[in-house]
Amino acid sequence: MRTTVDLDPHLLKRLREEAHVRGVPLKELLTTVLQRGLAERPPRSRARYRCPTFAMGPVAAGVDLDRALPLAHALEDAEIARKLVLRK
């Protein structure tokens, strides 16, 4: 199969020199080098990502942590209102 690949000029020079030394066509050397490189590649096994968790302690009665965002907004609104009252 024919394809176009852009190679670094220094790499291409090394490949051509190696092909000349071995007495093989550049295409054959390139195929061999690529096959070896892919065969020697370690298997694609990634360590499983783990995120540590920490206990937050007891939760106050009536606080639903499933609704944390609305609770945060309500607390923020209350704090803004408190600051506005202090400015008067």
N, C-alpha and C. Protein backbone atom coordinates (compact mmCIF):
# COMPACT_ATOMS: atom_id res chain seq x y z
N MET A 1 0.84 -1.17 0.00
CA MET A 1 0.00 0.00 0.00
C MET A 1 0.89 1.24 0.00
N ARG A 2 0.55 2.20 -0.78
CA ARG A 2 1.33 3.41 -0.89
C ARG A 2 0.74 4.47 0.03
N THR A 3 1.62 5.17 0.74
CA THR A 3 1.20 6.27 1.60
C THR A 3 2.32 7.30 1.67
N THR A 4 1.99 8.48 2.11
CA THR A 4 2.97 9.55 2.23
C THR A 4 3.20 9.83 3.71
N VAL A 5 4.47 9.87 4.08
CA VAL A 5 4.84 10.14 5.48
C VAL A 5 5.91 11.22 5.46
N ASP A 6 5.76 12.23 6.30
CA ASP A 6 6.78 13.26 6.43
C ASP A 6 7.76 12.83 7.51
N LEU A 7 9.02 12.67 7.12
CA LEU A 7 10.06 12.27 8.06
C LEU A 7 11.03 13.42 8.27
N ASP A 8 11.58 13.47 9.46
CA ASP A 8 12.63 14.44 9.76
C ASP A 8 13.80 14.15 8.81
N PRO A 9 14.40 15.20 8.22
CA PRO A 9 15.50 14.98 7.27
C PRO A 9 16.65 14.15 7.84
N HIS A 10 16.98 14.37 9.12
CA HIS A 10 18.07 13.61 9.74
C HIS A 10 17.70 12.14 9.88
N LEU A 11 16.43 11.87 10.21
CA LEU A 11 15.98 10.49 10.32
C LEU A 11 15.99 9.81 8.96
N LEU A 12 15.53 10.51 7.95
CA LEU A 12 15.53 9.94 6.60
C LEU A 12 16.95 9.62 6.15
N LYS A 13 17.89 10.50 6.47
CA LYS A 13 19.29 10.27 6.10
C LYS A 13 19.81 9.01 6.79
N ARG A 14 19.50 8.87 8.09
CA ARG A 14 19.94 7.68 8.83
C ARG A 14 19.32 6.41 8.25
N LEU A 15 18.04 6.48 7.89
CA LEU A 15 17.37 5.32 7.31
C LEU A 15 18.01 4.94 5.97
N ARG A 16 18.29 5.92 5.15
CA ARG A 16 18.91 5.64 3.84
C ARG A 16 20.30 5.04 4.02
N GLU A 17 21.06 5.59 4.97
CA GLU A 17 22.41 5.04 5.22
C GLU A 17 22.33 3.60 5.71
N GLU A 18 21.39 3.34 6.62
CA GLU A 18 21.23 1.98 7.15
C GLU A 18 20.77 1.01 6.06
N ALA A 19 19.86 1.45 5.21
CA ALA A 19 19.41 0.61 4.10
C ALA A 19 20.58 0.29 3.17
N HIS A 20 21.44 1.29 2.93
CA HIS A 20 22.61 1.08 2.07
C HIS A 20 23.56 0.08 2.71
N VAL A 21 23.82 0.24 4.01
CA VAL A 21 24.73 -0.67 4.72
C VAL A 21 24.20 -2.10 4.68
N ARG A 22 22.90 -2.25 4.88
CA ARG A 22 22.30 -3.59 4.89
C ARG A 22 22.06 -4.14 3.48
N GLY A 23 22.10 -3.27 2.51
CA GLY A 23 21.88 -3.69 1.14
C GLY A 23 20.42 -4.04 0.85
N VAL A 24 19.51 -3.31 1.49
CA VAL A 24 18.08 -3.55 1.28
C VAL A 24 17.42 -2.25 0.83
N PRO A 25 16.30 -2.32 0.15
CA PRO A 25 15.59 -1.10 -0.24
C PRO A 25 15.08 -0.35 1.00
N LEU A 26 15.00 0.95 0.88
CA LEU A 26 14.51 1.79 1.98
C LEU A 26 13.13 1.32 2.46
N LYS A 27 12.27 0.98 1.52
CA LYS A 27 10.91 0.53 1.85
C LYS A 27 10.95 -0.70 2.75
N GLU A 28 11.82 -1.63 2.43
CA GLU A 28 11.92 -2.87 3.22
C GLU A 28 12.45 -2.57 4.63
N LEU A 29 13.47 -1.72 4.71
CA LEU A 29 14.02 -1.37 6.02
C LEU A 29 12.97 -0.65 6.86
N LEU A 30 12.27 0.27 6.27
CA LEU A 30 11.25 1.03 6.99
C LEU A 30 10.15 0.11 7.51
N THR A 31 9.73 -0.85 6.68
CA THR A 31 8.72 -1.81 7.11
C THR A 31 9.22 -2.64 8.29
N THR A 32 10.46 -3.09 8.21
CA THR A 32 11.05 -3.90 9.29
C THR A 32 11.14 -3.10 10.59
N VAL A 33 11.62 -1.87 10.49
CA VAL A 33 11.77 -1.03 11.67
C VAL A 33 10.41 -0.76 12.31
N LEU A 34 9.41 -0.45 11.51
CA LEU A 34 8.08 -0.19 12.06
C LEU A 34 7.47 -1.44 12.70
N GLN A 35 7.64 -2.60 12.06
CA GLN A 35 7.11 -3.84 12.64
C GLN A 35 7.77 -4.16 13.97
N ARG A 36 9.08 -4.00 14.05
CA ARG A 36 9.79 -4.25 15.32
C ARG A 36 9.35 -3.27 16.40
N GLY A 37 9.23 -2.01 16.02
CA GLY A 37 8.83 -1.00 16.98
C GLY A 37 7.44 -1.27 17.55
N LEU A 38 6.53 -1.67 16.70
CA LEU A 38 5.18 -1.97 17.17
C LEU A 38 5.13 -3.27 17.98
N ALA A 39 5.95 -4.24 17.63
CA ALA A 39 5.97 -5.51 18.34
C ALA A 39 6.57 -5.35 19.74
N GLU A 40 7.54 -4.47 19.89
CA GLU A 40 8.22 -4.28 21.17
C GLU A 40 7.48 -3.32 22.09
N ARG A 41 6.45 -2.71 21.58
CA ARG A 41 5.69 -1.75 22.38
C ARG A 41 5.03 -2.46 23.56
N PRO A 42 5.12 -1.89 24.75
CA PRO A 42 4.47 -2.51 25.90
C PRO A 42 2.95 -2.52 25.71
N PRO A 43 2.28 -3.50 26.30
CA PRO A 43 0.82 -3.54 26.16
C PRO A 43 0.18 -2.30 26.76
N ARG A 44 -0.96 -1.94 26.22
CA ARG A 44 -1.66 -0.74 26.67
C ARG A 44 -2.42 -1.02 27.96
N SER A 45 -1.71 -1.01 29.05
CA SER A 45 -2.37 -1.20 30.35
C SER A 45 -2.08 0.03 31.19
N ARG A 46 -3.12 0.73 31.51
CA ARG A 46 -2.97 1.93 32.32
C ARG A 46 -3.40 1.61 33.74
N ALA A 47 -2.70 2.18 34.67
CA ALA A 47 -3.09 2.01 36.06
C ALA A 47 -4.45 2.67 36.27
N ARG A 48 -5.28 2.02 37.00
CA ARG A 48 -6.60 2.56 37.26
C ARG A 48 -6.48 3.82 38.11
N TYR A 49 -7.16 4.87 37.69
CA TYR A 49 -7.12 6.13 38.43
C TYR A 49 -7.94 5.99 39.69
N ARG A 50 -7.36 6.38 40.79
CA ARG A 50 -8.07 6.33 42.06
C ARG A 50 -8.07 7.71 42.69
N CYS A 51 -9.20 8.10 43.16
CA CYS A 51 -9.35 9.39 43.83
C CYS A 51 -9.67 9.12 45.30
N PRO A 52 -8.78 9.51 46.20
CA PRO A 52 -9.05 9.22 47.62
C PRO A 52 -10.27 9.99 48.11
N THR A 53 -10.99 9.36 49.00
CA THR A 53 -12.15 10.00 49.62
C THR A 53 -11.89 10.13 51.11
N PHE A 54 -12.54 11.08 51.72
CA PHE A 54 -12.36 11.34 53.14
C PHE A 54 -13.72 11.54 53.79
N ALA A 55 -13.85 11.07 55.00
CA ALA A 55 -15.10 11.24 55.74
C ALA A 55 -15.24 12.72 56.11
N MET A 56 -16.44 13.25 55.94
CA MET A 56 -16.70 14.66 56.25
C MET A 56 -17.26 14.85 57.65
N GLY A 57 -17.45 13.78 58.36
CA GLY A 57 -18.03 13.87 59.69
C GLY A 57 -19.54 13.85 59.60
N PRO A 58 -20.19 13.99 60.74
CA PRO A 58 -21.65 13.93 60.74
C PRO A 58 -22.26 15.12 59.99
N VAL A 59 -23.36 14.86 59.35
CA VAL A 59 -24.07 15.90 58.60
C VAL A 59 -25.19 16.44 59.47
N ALA A 60 -25.37 17.75 59.45
CA ALA A 60 -26.42 18.37 60.26
C ALA A 60 -27.78 17.85 59.83
N ALA A 61 -28.69 17.74 60.78
CA ALA A 61 -30.04 17.25 60.50
C ALA A 61 -30.72 18.18 59.49
N GLY A 62 -31.41 17.61 58.53
CA GLY A 62 -32.14 18.39 57.55
C GLY A 62 -31.32 18.82 56.35
N VAL A 63 -30.03 18.50 56.33
CA VAL A 63 -29.17 18.87 55.21
C VAL A 63 -29.10 17.69 54.25
N ASP A 64 -29.56 17.89 53.04
CA ASP A 64 -29.54 16.85 52.01
C ASP A 64 -28.36 17.11 51.08
N LEU A 65 -27.32 16.29 51.19
CA LEU A 65 -26.11 16.52 50.39
C LEU A 65 -26.35 16.26 48.90
N ASP A 66 -27.45 15.60 48.55
CA ASP A 66 -27.79 15.42 47.14
C ASP A 66 -28.21 16.74 46.52
N ARG A 67 -28.54 17.69 47.34
CA ARG A 67 -28.97 19.01 46.87
C ARG A 67 -27.96 20.07 47.33
N ALA A 68 -26.67 19.74 47.23
CA ALA A 68 -25.62 20.61 47.75
C ALA A 68 -25.52 21.93 47.00
N LEU A 69 -25.71 21.93 45.69
CA LEU A 69 -25.58 23.16 44.91
C LEU A 69 -26.66 24.18 45.28
N PRO A 70 -27.94 23.80 45.33
CA PRO A 70 -28.93 24.77 45.78
C PRO A 70 -28.66 25.27 47.21
N LEU A 71 -28.15 24.38 48.07
CA LEU A 71 -27.82 24.78 49.43
C LEU A 71 -26.69 25.82 49.41
N ALA A 72 -25.68 25.60 48.57
CA ALA A 72 -24.57 26.56 48.47
C ALA A 72 -25.07 27.91 47.97
N HIS A 73 -25.99 27.90 47.00
CA HIS A 73 -26.56 29.17 46.51
C HIS A 73 -27.34 29.88 47.61
N ALA A 74 -28.12 29.14 48.37
CA ALA A 74 -28.90 29.74 49.45
C ALA A 74 -27.99 30.35 50.51
N LEU A 75 -26.91 29.63 50.86
CA LEU A 75 -25.96 30.16 51.84
C LEU A 75 -25.25 31.40 51.32
N GLU A 76 -24.92 31.39 50.04
CA GLU A 76 -24.26 32.55 49.45
C GLU A 76 -25.21 33.75 49.44
N ASP A 77 -26.47 33.51 49.08
CA ASP A 77 -27.46 34.60 49.09
C ASP A 77 -27.64 35.17 50.49
N ALA A 78 -27.67 34.28 51.48
CA ALA A 78 -27.83 34.74 52.87
C ALA A 78 -26.63 35.59 53.29
N GLU A 79 -25.44 35.19 52.89
CA GLU A 79 -24.23 35.95 53.24
C GLU A 79 -24.22 37.31 52.55
N ILE A 80 -24.64 37.38 51.31
CA ILE A 80 -24.72 38.66 50.60
C ILE A 80 -25.73 39.58 51.27
N ALA A 81 -26.88 39.02 51.64
CA ALA A 81 -27.90 39.82 52.32
C ALA A 81 -27.37 40.33 53.66
N ARG A 82 -26.65 39.51 54.41
CA ARG A 82 -26.08 39.93 55.70
C ARG A 82 -25.11 41.09 55.50
N LYS A 83 -24.25 41.00 54.47
CA LYS A 83 -23.29 42.07 54.22
C LYS A 83 -24.00 43.36 53.80
N LEU A 84 -25.07 43.25 53.02
CA LEU A 84 -25.80 44.44 52.62
C LEU A 84 -26.44 45.13 53.81
N VAL A 85 -26.94 44.37 54.77
CA VAL A 85 -27.55 44.95 55.98
C VAL A 85 -26.49 45.68 56.78
N LEU A 86 -25.27 45.16 56.86
CA LEU A 86 -24.21 45.79 57.64
C LEU A 86 -23.76 47.12 57.03
N ARG A 87 -23.92 47.31 55.76
CA ARG A 87 -23.50 48.54 55.10
C ARG A 87 -24.44 49.70 55.38
N LYS A 88 -25.66 49.40 55.77
CA LYS A 88 -26.63 50.48 56.01
C LYS A 88 -26.41 51.17 57.31
